[in-house]
Amino acid sequence: MDIKSLDILIVGAGPIGLACAIAAKKAGLHYVVIEKGALVNSLYHYPVNMNFFSTSEKLEIDEIPFISKEPKPSKQESLEYYRRVATSKELHIRLYETVQGVEKKVNRFEVVTDKAIYSSTNIIVATGFYDIPVQLNVPGEDLPKVTHYYSDPHAYAFQKTIVVGASNSAVDAALEIYRKGGDVTMIVRDKAIGERVKYWVRPDIINRIEEGSITAYFNAEITEITDTTVSFSQDGIIKTIPNDYVVALTGYKPDFTFLESLGINLIGEQKIPAYNEKTMETNVNGIYLAGVICGGLETHKWFIENSRVHAKMIVDAVVSKK
């Protein structure tokens, strides 16, 4: 592979980045995938016991069968599946390599990483949104006891743990920590558990709250975190409770700084990137978007199952230009 004469450079080796690589290879294009972390890095950092909302066939790429033992596949099954896809398709992927800058050179892009310099006619950005957590912006958020990522409930056994949020990830964390012996309190900005919570999990968390196994404060927001306490406002009243750990699952957002550095326009309060819905090409000629990155702050709009089609759309557009 000549890194100085690429047709496509793909940023991000998540499921959609892999789908783009497969489509590029099928079309006979010279390509490479650059990934700053592990293969399917976002999935790798999901909670240990996580199961997908989607069924396995909706997570498939290139019609390669994804067989799981349960209707909703686990994180470990998904990692195994995407590893096998990358291996069987012999995809050109460079892991643990970070893009540091992109510069337009006549009809090509020069892409500088921490390990090499590439030249490519086109770029596909398939970076997802899981790397930048939405901050609470309160005093004490930088304390070691605070995390924006949740992995395993064992660490919180017998600890007073606050889970911030009421999304799927927050609800899963609260239930798992409670069942491993944690003293769980939920701080929820909204008035109730969200309607988007998995339908088979929502009754469970509601019942645990109603019976008092998990304490929940709704219409509440954290105002300060200390080594031993957390203060929050609920209906205008400040309350302070003892605390050992804070798991702030307040959501994540795309790397807008990177998109803006490429010259991509971000539209409105939701910062929706400008792109052609038929080709996925942005306002910058030769730069395309694929996957959840297309939704800006509307991170619930695109999933693996409904953005797999982006790969073929993009490659068809690239080929039509040759």
C-alpha atoms as a PDB file:
ATOM      1  CA  MET A   1       0.000   0.000   0.000  1.00  0.00           C
ATOM      2  CA  ASP A   2       1.416   3.356  -1.083  1.00  0.00           C
ATOM      3  CA  ILE A   3       0.425   5.893   1.583  1.00  0.00           C
ATOM      4  CA  LYS A   4       1.251   8.714  -0.831  1.00  0.00           C
ATOM      5  CA  SER A   5      -1.362   7.779  -3.437  1.00  0.00           C
ATOM      6  CA  LEU A   6      -4.523   6.829  -1.544  1.00  0.00           C
ATOM      7  CA  ASP A   7      -7.995   7.157  -2.991  1.00  0.00           C
ATOM      8  CA  ILE A   8      -9.600   7.198   0.453  1.00  0.00           C
ATOM      9  CA  LEU A   9      -8.310   7.725   3.977  1.00  0.00           C
ATOM     10  CA  ILE A  10     -10.850   6.656   6.597  1.00  0.00           C
ATOM     11  CA  VAL A  11     -10.654   8.184  10.075  1.00  0.00           C
ATOM     12  CA  GLY A  12     -12.147   5.796  12.621  1.00  0.00           C
ATOM     13  CA  ALA A  13     -12.141   1.980  12.795  1.00  0.00           C
ATOM     14  CA  GLY A  14     -15.590   1.535  14.270  1.00  0.00           C
ATOM     15  CA  PRO A  15     -18.197  -0.671  12.564  1.00  0.00           C
ATOM     16  CA  ILE A  16     -19.047   2.038   9.995  1.00  0.00           C
ATOM     17  CA  GLY A  17     -15.372   2.769   9.324  1.00  0.00           C
ATOM     18  CA  LEU A  18     -14.879  -0.949   8.677  1.00  0.00           C
ATOM     19  CA  ALA A  19     -17.899  -0.970   6.355  1.00  0.00           C
ATOM     20  CA  CYS A  20     -16.351   1.919   4.403  1.00  0.00           C
ATOM     21  CA  ALA A  21     -13.055   0.024   4.133  1.00  0.00           C
ATOM     22  CA  ILE A  22     -14.815  -3.078   2.801  1.00  0.00           C
ATOM     23  CA  ALA A  23     -16.719  -1.019   0.222  1.00  0.00           C
ATOM     24  CA  ALA A  24     -13.510   0.738  -0.850  1.00  0.00           C
ATOM     25  CA  LYS A  25     -11.681  -2.565  -1.227  1.00  0.00           C
ATOM     26  CA  LYS A  26     -14.520  -4.074  -3.275  1.00  0.00           C
ATOM     27  CA  ALA A  27     -14.359  -1.061  -5.601  1.00  0.00           C
ATOM     28  CA  GLY A  28     -10.627  -1.553  -6.116  1.00  0.00           C
ATOM     29  CA  LEU A  29      -9.723   1.722  -4.397  1.00  0.00           C
ATOM     30  CA  HIS A  30      -6.506   2.342  -2.484  1.00  0.00           C
ATOM     31  CA  TYR A  31      -7.483   3.054   1.123  1.00  0.00           C
ATOM     32  CA  VAL A  32      -6.314   2.954   4.730  1.00  0.00           C
ATOM     33  CA  VAL A  33      -8.155   3.223   8.054  1.00  0.00           C
ATOM     34  CA  ILE A  34      -6.582   5.322  10.804  1.00  0.00           C
ATOM     35  CA  GLU A  35      -7.760   4.698  14.377  1.00  0.00           C
ATOM     36  CA  LYS A  36      -6.413   6.446  17.476  1.00  0.00           C
ATOM     37  CA  GLY A  37      -7.354   3.546  19.755  1.00  0.00           C
ATOM     38  CA  ALA A  38      -8.239  -0.141  19.543  1.00  0.00           C
ATOM     39  CA  LEU A  39     -10.296  -1.730  16.795  1.00  0.00           C
ATOM     40  CA  VAL A  40     -13.932  -0.585  17.287  1.00  0.00           C
ATOM     41  CA  ASN A  41     -12.570   1.568  20.084  1.00  0.00           C
ATOM     42  CA  SER A  42     -15.922   2.893  21.315  1.00  0.00           C
ATOM     43  CA  LEU A  43     -17.371  -0.613  21.640  1.00  0.00           C
ATOM     44  CA  TYR A  44     -14.204  -1.698  23.451  1.00  0.00           C
ATOM     45  CA  HIS A  45     -14.866   0.960  26.107  1.00  0.00           C
ATOM     46  CA  TYR A  46     -18.512   0.042  26.599  1.00  0.00           C
ATOM     47  CA  PRO A  47     -19.462  -1.517  29.973  1.00  0.00           C
ATOM     48  CA  VAL A  48     -18.290  -5.085  30.455  1.00  0.00           C
ATOM     49  CA  ASN A  49     -21.792  -6.552  30.809  1.00  0.00           C
ATOM     50  CA  MET A  50     -23.488  -4.444  28.133  1.00  0.00           C
ATOM     51  CA  ASN A  51     -25.947  -5.921  25.654  1.00  0.00           C
ATOM     52  CA  PHE A  52     -26.953  -4.090  22.497  1.00  0.00           C
ATOM     53  CA  PHE A  53     -30.432  -2.709  21.937  1.00  0.00           C
ATOM     54  CA  SER A  54     -30.244  -4.012  18.353  1.00  0.00           C
ATOM     55  CA  THR A  55     -30.393  -7.659  17.358  1.00  0.00           C
ATOM     56  CA  SER A  56     -27.277  -9.195  15.857  1.00  0.00           C
ATOM     57  CA  GLU A  57     -28.394  -9.089  12.201  1.00  0.00           C
ATOM     58  CA  LYS A  58     -28.782  -5.311  12.443  1.00  0.00           C
ATOM     59  CA  LEU A  59     -25.148  -4.992  13.500  1.00  0.00           C
ATOM     60  CA  GLU A  60     -23.845  -6.953  10.517  1.00  0.00           C
ATOM     61  CA  ILE A  61     -21.731  -5.274   7.867  1.00  0.00           C
ATOM     62  CA  ASP A  62     -21.278  -6.452   4.278  1.00  0.00           C
ATOM     63  CA  GLU A  63     -23.897  -9.160   4.918  1.00  0.00           C
ATOM     64  CA  ILE A  64     -21.351 -11.113   6.984  1.00  0.00           C
ATOM     65  CA  PRO A  65     -23.424 -13.166   9.472  1.00  0.00           C
ATOM     66  CA  PHE A  66     -23.232 -12.132  13.122  1.00  0.00           C
ATOM     67  CA  ILE A  67     -24.242 -15.127  15.221  1.00  0.00           C
ATOM     68  CA  SER A  68     -24.944 -14.554  18.917  1.00  0.00           C
ATOM     69  CA  LYS A  69     -26.306 -16.872  21.577  1.00  0.00           C
ATOM     70  CA  GLU A  70     -28.937 -14.353  22.714  1.00  0.00           C
ATOM     71  CA  PRO A  71     -31.286 -12.125  20.669  1.00  0.00           C
ATOM     72  CA  LYS A  72     -29.400  -9.059  21.939  1.00  0.00           C
ATOM     73  CA  PRO A  73     -25.656  -9.637  21.440  1.00  0.00           C
ATOM     74  CA  SER A  74     -23.141  -8.803  24.146  1.00  0.00           C
ATOM     75  CA  LYS A  75     -20.177  -6.460  23.993  1.00  0.00           C
ATOM     76  CA  GLN A  76     -17.757  -9.389  23.895  1.00  0.00           C
ATOM     77  CA  GLU A  77     -19.627 -11.020  21.019  1.00  0.00           C
ATOM     78  CA  SER A  78     -19.518  -7.770  19.060  1.00  0.00           C
ATOM     79  CA  LEU A  79     -15.763  -7.383  19.594  1.00  0.00           C
ATOM     80  CA  GLU A  80     -15.236 -10.930  18.374  1.00  0.00           C
ATOM     81  CA  TYR A  81     -17.443 -10.311  15.337  1.00  0.00           C
ATOM     82  CA  TYR A  82     -15.733  -7.117  14.196  1.00  0.00           C
ATOM     83  CA  ARG A  83     -12.261  -8.614  14.783  1.00  0.00           C
ATOM     84  CA  ARG A  84     -13.183 -11.514  12.526  1.00  0.00           C
ATOM     85  CA  VAL A  85     -14.559  -9.147   9.889  1.00  0.00           C
ATOM     86  CA  ALA A  86     -11.327  -7.127   9.877  1.00  0.00           C
ATOM     87  CA  THR A  87      -9.239 -10.292   9.738  1.00  0.00           C
ATOM     88  CA  SER A  88     -11.217 -12.179   7.106  1.00  0.00           C
ATOM     89  CA  LYS A  89     -11.434  -9.131   4.833  1.00  0.00           C
ATOM     90  CA  GLU A  90      -7.714  -8.366   5.335  1.00  0.00           C
ATOM     91  CA  LEU A  91      -8.447  -4.699   5.805  1.00  0.00           C
ATOM     92  CA  HIS A  92      -5.691  -2.067   5.881  1.00  0.00           C
ATOM     93  CA  ILE A  93      -6.039  -0.668   9.405  1.00  0.00           C
ATOM     94  CA  ARG A  94      -3.534   1.289  11.464  1.00  0.00           C
ATOM     95  CA  LEU A  95      -4.422   1.280  15.147  1.00  0.00           C
ATOM     96  CA  TYR A  96      -3.208   3.558  17.945  1.00  0.00           C
ATOM     97  CA  GLU A  97      -2.396   6.272  15.444  1.00  0.00           C
ATOM     98  CA  THR A  98      -3.810   9.778  15.864  1.00  0.00           C
ATOM     99  CA  VAL A  99      -4.600  12.285  13.114  1.00  0.00           C
ATOM    100  CA  GLN A 100      -2.901  15.559  14.039  1.00  0.00           C
ATOM    101  CA  GLY A 101      -3.698  17.698  11.033  1.00  0.00           C
ATOM    102  CA  VAL A 102      -5.171  17.806   7.527  1.00  0.00           C
ATOM    103  CA  GLU A 103      -4.154  20.220   4.762  1.00  0.00           C
ATOM    104  CA  LYS A 104      -5.568  20.540   1.258  1.00  0.00           C
ATOM    105  CA  LYS A 105      -2.840  20.289  -1.412  1.00  0.00           C
ATOM    106  CA  VAL A 106      -4.321  21.088  -4.850  1.00  0.00           C
ATOM    107  CA  ASN A 107      -6.557  18.040  -5.518  1.00  0.00           C
ATOM    108  CA  ARG A 108      -5.340  15.933  -2.602  1.00  0.00           C
ATOM    109  CA  PHE A 109      -5.276  16.031   1.179  1.00  0.00           C
ATOM    110  CA  GLU A 110      -2.104  15.701   3.208  1.00  0.00           C
ATOM    111  CA  VAL A 111      -2.961  13.939   6.456  1.00  0.00           C
ATOM    112  CA  VAL A 112      -0.399  14.111   9.233  1.00  0.00           C
ATOM    113  CA  THR A 113      -0.582  11.594  12.086  1.00  0.00           C
ATOM    114  CA  ASP A 114       1.733  10.960  15.004  1.00  0.00           C
ATOM    115  CA  LYS A 115       3.318   8.143  12.971  1.00  0.00           C
ATOM    116  CA  ALA A 116       3.231   9.045   9.259  1.00  0.00           C
ATOM    117  CA  ILE A 117       2.174  11.466   6.527  1.00  0.00           C
ATOM    118  CA  TYR A 118      -0.482  10.329   4.055  1.00  0.00           C
ATOM    119  CA  SER A 119      -1.728  11.741   0.761  1.00  0.00           C
ATOM    120  CA  SER A 120      -5.298  10.965  -0.234  1.00  0.00           C
ATOM    121  CA  THR A 121      -7.806  12.213  -2.778  1.00  0.00           C
ATOM    122  CA  ASN A 122     -10.700  11.727  -0.343  1.00  0.00           C
ATOM    123  CA  ILE A 123     -11.277  11.499   3.389  1.00  0.00           C
ATOM    124  CA  ILE A 124     -14.088   9.727   5.241  1.00  0.00           C
ATOM    125  CA  VAL A 125     -14.710  10.846   8.815  1.00  0.00           C
ATOM    126  CA  ALA A 126     -16.303   7.992  10.772  1.00  0.00           C
ATOM    127  CA  THR A 127     -15.212   8.952  14.267  1.00  0.00           C
ATOM    128  CA  GLY A 128     -18.471   8.496  16.181  1.00  0.00           C
ATOM    129  CA  PHE A 129     -19.084  10.487  19.358  1.00  0.00           C
ATOM    130  CA  TYR A 130     -17.965   8.452  22.387  1.00  0.00           C
ATOM    131  CA  ASP A 131     -14.588  10.076  23.077  1.00  0.00           C
ATOM    132  CA  ILE A 132     -15.700  13.429  24.503  1.00  0.00           C
ATOM    133  CA  PRO A 133     -18.039  13.307  27.534  1.00  0.00           C
ATOM    134  CA  VAL A 134     -20.515  16.095  28.224  1.00  0.00           C
ATOM    135  CA  GLN A 135     -19.185  17.828  31.329  1.00  0.00           C
ATOM    136  CA  LEU A 136     -21.183  18.716  34.435  1.00  0.00           C
ATOM    137  CA  ASN A 137     -19.150  21.919  34.769  1.00  0.00           C
ATOM    138  CA  VAL A 138     -19.293  21.949  38.556  1.00  0.00           C
ATOM    139  CA  PRO A 139     -16.611  22.306  41.235  1.00  0.00           C
ATOM    140  CA  GLY A 140     -14.996  18.960  42.057  1.00  0.00           C
ATOM    141  CA  GLU A 141     -15.697  17.299  38.704  1.00  0.00           C
ATOM    142  CA  ASP A 142     -11.954  16.719  38.282  1.00  0.00           C
ATOM    143  CA  LEU A 143     -11.684  14.682  41.499  1.00  0.00           C
ATOM    144  CA  PRO A 144     -10.449  11.059  41.109  1.00  0.00           C
ATOM    145  CA  LYS A 145     -13.784   9.785  42.461  1.00  0.00           C
ATOM    146  CA  VAL A 146     -15.620  11.132  39.389  1.00  0.00           C
ATOM    147  CA  THR A 147     -15.795   9.278  36.079  1.00  0.00           C
ATOM    148  CA  HIS A 148     -17.728   9.818  32.854  1.00  0.00           C
ATOM    149  CA  TYR A 149     -17.279   6.186  31.809  1.00  0.00           C
ATOM    150  CA  TYR A 150     -18.641   3.063  33.444  1.00  0.00           C
ATOM    151  CA  SER A 151     -17.174  -0.401  32.999  1.00  0.00           C
ATOM    152  CA  ASP A 152     -17.629  -2.890  35.836  1.00  0.00           C
ATOM    153  CA  PRO A 153     -19.933  -2.740  38.901  1.00  0.00           C
ATOM    154  CA  HIS A 154     -17.511  -4.571  41.211  1.00  0.00           C
ATOM    155  CA  ALA A 155     -15.522  -1.392  41.930  1.00  0.00           C
ATOM    156  CA  TYR A 156     -18.615   0.189  43.516  1.00  0.00           C
ATOM    157  CA  ALA A 157     -19.632  -2.666  45.811  1.00  0.00           C
ATOM    158  CA  PHE A 158     -20.467  -1.374  49.329  1.00  0.00           C
ATOM    159  CA  GLN A 159     -19.811   2.220  48.204  1.00  0.00           C
ATOM    160  CA  LYS A 160     -22.140   5.214  48.211  1.00  0.00           C
ATOM    161  CA  THR A 161     -22.340   5.788  44.461  1.00  0.00           C
ATOM    162  CA  ILE A 162     -24.170   8.518  42.600  1.00  0.00           C
ATOM    163  CA  VAL A 163     -25.162   7.798  38.998  1.00  0.00           C
ATOM    164  CA  VAL A 164     -25.929  10.966  37.054  1.00  0.00           C
ATOM    165  CA  GLY A 165     -28.453  10.692  34.221  1.00  0.00           C
ATOM    166  CA  ALA A 166     -31.334   8.436  33.195  1.00  0.00           C
ATOM    167  CA  SER A 167     -30.238   7.169  29.785  1.00  0.00           C
ATOM    168  CA  ASN A 168     -29.745   3.489  28.939  1.00  0.00           C
ATOM    169  CA  SER A 169     -26.147   3.570  30.156  1.00  0.00           C
ATOM    170  CA  ALA A 170     -27.053   5.301  33.413  1.00  0.00           C
ATOM    171  CA  VAL A 171     -29.929   2.922  34.140  1.00  0.00           C
ATOM    172  CA  ASP A 172     -27.767  -0.143  33.386  1.00  0.00           C
ATOM    173  CA  ALA A 173     -25.028   1.168  35.674  1.00  0.00           C
ATOM    174  CA  ALA A 174     -27.440   1.933  38.518  1.00  0.00           C
ATOM    175  CA  LEU A 175     -29.029  -1.524  38.378  1.00  0.00           C
ATOM    176  CA  GLU A 176     -25.733  -3.392  38.109  1.00  0.00           C
ATOM    177  CA  ILE A 177     -24.084  -1.472  40.943  1.00  0.00           C
ATOM    178  CA  TYR A 178     -27.146  -1.973  43.168  1.00  0.00           C
ATOM    179  CA  ARG A 179     -27.102  -5.716  42.478  1.00  0.00           C
ATOM    180  CA  LYS A 180     -23.401  -5.916  43.393  1.00  0.00           C
ATOM    181  CA  GLY A 181     -24.072  -4.376  46.779  1.00  0.00           C
ATOM    182  CA  GLY A 182     -23.616  -0.697  46.020  1.00  0.00           C
ATOM    183  CA  ASP A 183     -25.628   2.039  47.725  1.00  0.00           C
ATOM    184  CA  VAL A 184     -26.986   3.762  44.596  1.00  0.00           C
ATOM    185  CA  THR A 185     -28.439   7.247  44.241  1.00  0.00           C
ATOM    186  CA  MET A 186     -29.525   8.619  40.871  1.00  0.00           C
ATOM    187  CA  ILE A 187     -29.444  12.342  40.100  1.00  0.00           C
ATOM    188  CA  VAL A 188     -31.736  12.980  37.131  1.00  0.00           C
ATOM    189  CA  ARG A 189     -32.253  16.355  35.462  1.00  0.00           C
ATOM    190  CA  ASP A 190     -35.580  15.296  33.920  1.00  0.00           C
ATOM    191  CA  LYS A 191     -38.810  14.541  35.732  1.00  0.00           C
ATOM    192  CA  ALA A 192     -38.729  10.768  35.130  1.00  0.00           C
ATOM    193  CA  ILE A 193     -36.770   7.863  33.659  1.00  0.00           C
ATOM    194  CA  GLY A 194     -36.440   8.474  29.917  1.00  0.00           C
ATOM    195  CA  GLU A 195     -38.767   6.836  27.399  1.00  0.00           C
ATOM    196  CA  ARG A 196     -35.725   5.772  25.326  1.00  0.00           C
ATOM    197  CA  VAL A 197     -34.556   3.381  28.028  1.00  0.00           C
ATOM    198  CA  LYS A 198     -34.655  -0.225  26.796  1.00  0.00           C
ATOM    199  CA  TYR A 199     -38.212  -1.489  27.130  1.00  0.00           C
ATOM    200  CA  TRP A 200     -37.193  -4.606  29.051  1.00  0.00           C
ATOM    201  CA  VAL A 201     -35.080  -2.575  31.525  1.00  0.00           C
ATOM    202  CA  ARG A 202     -37.315   0.456  32.182  1.00  0.00           C
ATOM    203  CA  PRO A 203     -39.836  -1.398  34.414  1.00  0.00           C
ATOM    204  CA  ASP A 204     -36.936  -2.828  36.440  1.00  0.00           C
ATOM    205  CA  ILE A 205     -35.405   0.552  37.305  1.00  0.00           C
ATOM    206  CA  ILE A 206     -38.819   2.106  38.020  1.00  0.00           C
ATOM    207  CA  ASN A 207     -39.683  -0.747  40.396  1.00  0.00           C
ATOM    208  CA  ARG A 208     -36.321  -0.524  42.186  1.00  0.00           C
ATOM    209  CA  ILE A 209     -36.867   3.206  42.716  1.00  0.00           C
ATOM    210  CA  GLU A 210     -40.454   2.778  43.904  1.00  0.00           C
ATOM    211  CA  GLU A 211     -39.489   0.101  46.420  1.00  0.00           C
ATOM    212  CA  GLY A 212     -36.599   2.226  47.724  1.00  0.00           C
ATOM    213  CA  SER A 213     -33.751  -0.087  46.677  1.00  0.00           C
ATOM    214  CA  ILE A 214     -32.351   2.761  44.551  1.00  0.00           C
ATOM    215  CA  THR A 215     -32.823   6.382  45.580  1.00  0.00           C
ATOM    216  CA  ALA A 216     -33.639   8.813  42.766  1.00  0.00           C
ATOM    217  CA  TYR A 217     -33.829  12.596  42.783  1.00  0.00           C
ATOM    218  CA  PHE A 218     -35.643  13.959  39.723  1.00  0.00           C
ATOM    219  CA  ASN A 219     -35.617  17.561  38.484  1.00  0.00           C
ATOM    220  CA  ALA A 220     -32.172  17.683  40.086  1.00  0.00           C
ATOM    221  CA  GLU A 221     -28.673  18.823  39.073  1.00  0.00           C
ATOM    222  CA  ILE A 222     -25.349  18.475  40.848  1.00  0.00           C
ATOM    223  CA  THR A 223     -23.878  21.778  42.046  1.00  0.00           C
ATOM    224  CA  GLU A 224     -20.679  20.654  43.805  1.00  0.00           C
ATOM    225  CA  ILE A 225     -18.610  17.534  44.445  1.00  0.00           C
ATOM    226  CA  THR A 226     -16.184  17.149  47.351  1.00  0.00           C
ATOM    227  CA  ASP A 227     -14.065  14.218  48.548  1.00  0.00           C
ATOM    228  CA  THR A 228     -16.872  12.972  50.804  1.00  0.00           C
ATOM    229  CA  THR A 229     -20.110  14.611  49.642  1.00  0.00           C
ATOM    230  CA  VAL A 230     -22.187  15.703  46.670  1.00  0.00           C
ATOM    231  CA  SER A 231     -24.457  18.740  46.673  1.00  0.00           C
ATOM    232  CA  PHE A 232     -27.322  19.120  44.235  1.00  0.00           C
ATOM    233  CA  SER A 233     -30.233  21.401  43.537  1.00  0.00           C
ATOM    234  CA  GLN A 234     -33.753  19.989  43.389  1.00  0.00           C
ATOM    235  CA  ASP A 235     -36.650  22.338  42.714  1.00  0.00           C
ATOM    236  CA  GLY A 236     -34.499  25.236  43.890  1.00  0.00           C
ATOM    237  CA  ILE A 237     -33.452  23.598  47.169  1.00  0.00           C
ATOM    238  CA  ILE A 238     -29.794  22.637  47.748  1.00  0.00           C
ATOM    239  CA  LYS A 239     -29.230  19.225  49.333  1.00  0.00           C
ATOM    240  CA  THR A 240     -25.974  17.547  50.359  1.00  0.00           C
ATOM    241  CA  ILE A 241     -25.483  13.795  50.786  1.00  0.00           C
ATOM    242  CA  PRO A 242     -22.493  11.560  51.681  1.00  0.00           C
ATOM    243  CA  ASN A 243     -20.741  10.081  48.665  1.00  0.00           C
ATOM    244  CA  ASP A 244     -17.811   7.860  47.687  1.00  0.00           C
ATOM    245  CA  TYR A 245     -18.048   7.813  43.859  1.00  0.00           C
ATOM    246  CA  VAL A 246     -19.801   9.708  41.073  1.00  0.00           C
ATOM    247  CA  VAL A 247     -20.534   7.985  37.749  1.00  0.00           C
ATOM    248  CA  ALA A 248     -21.593  10.880  35.519  1.00  0.00           C
ATOM    249  CA  LEU A 249     -23.209   9.316  32.465  1.00  0.00           C
ATOM    250  CA  THR A 250     -24.420  12.590  30.989  1.00  0.00           C
ATOM    251  CA  GLY A 251     -23.749  11.704  27.376  1.00  0.00           C
ATOM    252  CA  TYR A 252     -21.006  12.278  24.824  1.00  0.00           C
ATOM    253  CA  LYS A 253     -20.453  14.476  21.802  1.00  0.00           C
ATOM    254  CA  PRO A 254     -18.513  14.380  18.525  1.00  0.00           C
ATOM    255  CA  ASP A 255     -15.141  16.058  18.139  1.00  0.00           C
ATOM    256  CA  PHE A 256     -16.447  19.311  16.670  1.00  0.00           C
ATOM    257  CA  THR A 257     -12.991  20.890  16.853  1.00  0.00           C
ATOM    258  CA  PHE A 258     -11.698  18.291  14.406  1.00  0.00           C
ATOM    259  CA  LEU A 259     -14.641  18.809  12.044  1.00  0.00           C
ATOM    260  CA  GLU A 260     -14.155  22.570  12.097  1.00  0.00           C
ATOM    261  CA  SER A 261     -10.421  22.167  11.454  1.00  0.00           C
ATOM    262  CA  LEU A 262     -11.388  20.373   8.226  1.00  0.00           C
ATOM    263  CA  GLY A 263     -13.548  23.328   7.195  1.00  0.00           C
ATOM    264  CA  ILE A 264     -16.853  21.511   7.689  1.00  0.00           C
ATOM    265  CA  ASN A 265     -19.784  23.815   8.470  1.00  0.00           C
ATOM    266  CA  LEU A 266     -21.767  23.060  11.639  1.00  0.00           C
ATOM    267  CA  ILE A 267     -25.398  24.129  11.457  1.00  0.00           C
ATOM    268  CA  GLY A 268     -27.633  25.344  14.295  1.00  0.00           C
ATOM    269  CA  GLU A 269     -27.633  24.646  18.014  1.00  0.00           C
ATOM    270  CA  GLN A 270     -27.334  20.913  17.386  1.00  0.00           C
ATOM    271  CA  LYS A 271     -24.182  21.508  15.308  1.00  0.00           C
ATOM    272  CA  ILE A 272     -25.313  19.276  12.454  1.00  0.00           C
ATOM    273  CA  PRO A 273     -22.447  18.952   9.954  1.00  0.00           C
ATOM    274  CA  ALA A 274     -23.251  20.108   6.422  1.00  0.00           C
ATOM    275  CA  TYR A 275     -23.361  17.180   3.991  1.00  0.00           C
ATOM    276  CA  ASN A 276     -25.168  15.953   0.880  1.00  0.00           C
ATOM    277  CA  GLU A 277     -27.691  13.299   1.944  1.00  0.00           C
ATOM    278  CA  LYS A 278     -27.263  11.415  -1.342  1.00  0.00           C
ATOM    279  CA  THR A 279     -23.468  11.213  -1.349  1.00  0.00           C
ATOM    280  CA  MET A 280     -22.520  12.023   2.287  1.00  0.00           C
ATOM    281  CA  GLU A 281     -20.021  14.579   0.958  1.00  0.00           C
ATOM    282  CA  THR A 282     -19.616  17.644   3.164  1.00  0.00           C
ATOM    283  CA  ASN A 283     -19.324  21.263   2.084  1.00  0.00           C
ATOM    284  CA  VAL A 284     -15.609  20.508   1.654  1.00  0.00           C
ATOM    285  CA  ASN A 285     -15.120  18.748  -1.671  1.00  0.00           C
ATOM    286  CA  GLY A 286     -13.599  15.306  -1.094  1.00  0.00           C
ATOM    287  CA  ILE A 287     -14.454  15.000   2.603  1.00  0.00           C
ATOM    288  CA  TYR A 288     -17.306  12.655   3.532  1.00  0.00           C
ATOM    289  CA  LEU A 289     -19.087  11.722   6.752  1.00  0.00           C
ATOM    290  CA  ALA A 290     -20.266   8.267   7.798  1.00  0.00           C
ATOM    291  CA  GLY A 291     -22.140   7.009  10.838  1.00  0.00           C
ATOM    292  CA  VAL A 292     -23.235   8.773  13.997  1.00  0.00           C
ATOM    293  CA  ILE A 293     -20.962  11.768  13.364  1.00  0.00           C
ATOM    294  CA  CYS A 294     -23.581  12.954  10.842  1.00  0.00           C
ATOM    295  CA  GLY A 295     -26.040  13.800  13.618  1.00  0.00           C
ATOM    296  CA  GLY A 296     -24.004  16.406  15.476  1.00  0.00           C
ATOM    297  CA  LEU A 297     -25.390  16.633  18.996  1.00  0.00           C
ATOM    298  CA  GLU A 298     -28.353  14.480  17.921  1.00  0.00           C
ATOM    299  CA  THR A 299     -26.412  11.376  18.849  1.00  0.00           C
ATOM    300  CA  HIS A 300     -29.553   9.196  18.958  1.00  0.00           C
ATOM    301  CA  LYS A 301     -30.314   9.772  15.282  1.00  0.00           C
ATOM    302  CA  TRP A 302     -27.762   7.434  13.687  1.00  0.00           C
ATOM    303  CA  PHE A 303     -26.850   3.892  14.720  1.00  0.00           C
ATOM    304  CA  ILE A 304     -24.892   1.034  13.188  1.00  0.00           C
ATOM    305  CA  GLU A 305     -28.071  -0.428  11.742  1.00  0.00           C
ATOM    306  CA  ASN A 306     -29.233   2.666   9.860  1.00  0.00           C
ATOM    307  CA  SER A 307     -25.853   4.110   8.842  1.00  0.00           C
ATOM    308  CA  ARG A 308     -24.255   1.016   7.314  1.00  0.00           C
ATOM    309  CA  VAL A 309     -25.574   2.265   3.971  1.00  0.00           C
ATOM    310  CA  HIS A 310     -23.275   5.289   4.148  1.00  0.00           C
ATOM    311  CA  ALA A 311     -20.320   3.165   3.077  1.00  0.00           C
ATOM    312  CA  LYS A 312     -21.726   2.260  -0.340  1.00  0.00           C
ATOM    313  CA  MET A 313     -23.132   5.759  -0.887  1.00  0.00           C
ATOM    314  CA  ILE A 314     -19.715   7.308  -0.309  1.00  0.00           C
ATOM    315  CA  VAL A 315     -17.722   4.829  -2.358  1.00  0.00           C
ATOM    316  CA  ASP A 316     -20.195   5.098  -5.248  1.00  0.00           C
ATOM    317  CA  ALA A 317     -19.749   8.890  -5.144  1.00  0.00           C
ATOM    318  CA  VAL A 318     -15.954   8.586  -5.092  1.00  0.00           C
ATOM    319  CA  VAL A 319     -15.920   6.127  -7.986  1.00  0.00           C
ATOM    320  CA  SER A 320     -18.220   8.374 -10.037  1.00  0.00           C
ATOM    321  CA  LYS A 321     -15.604  11.110  -9.843  1.00  0.00           C
ATOM    322  CA  LYS A 322     -12.738   9.002 -11.153  1.00  0.00           C
END
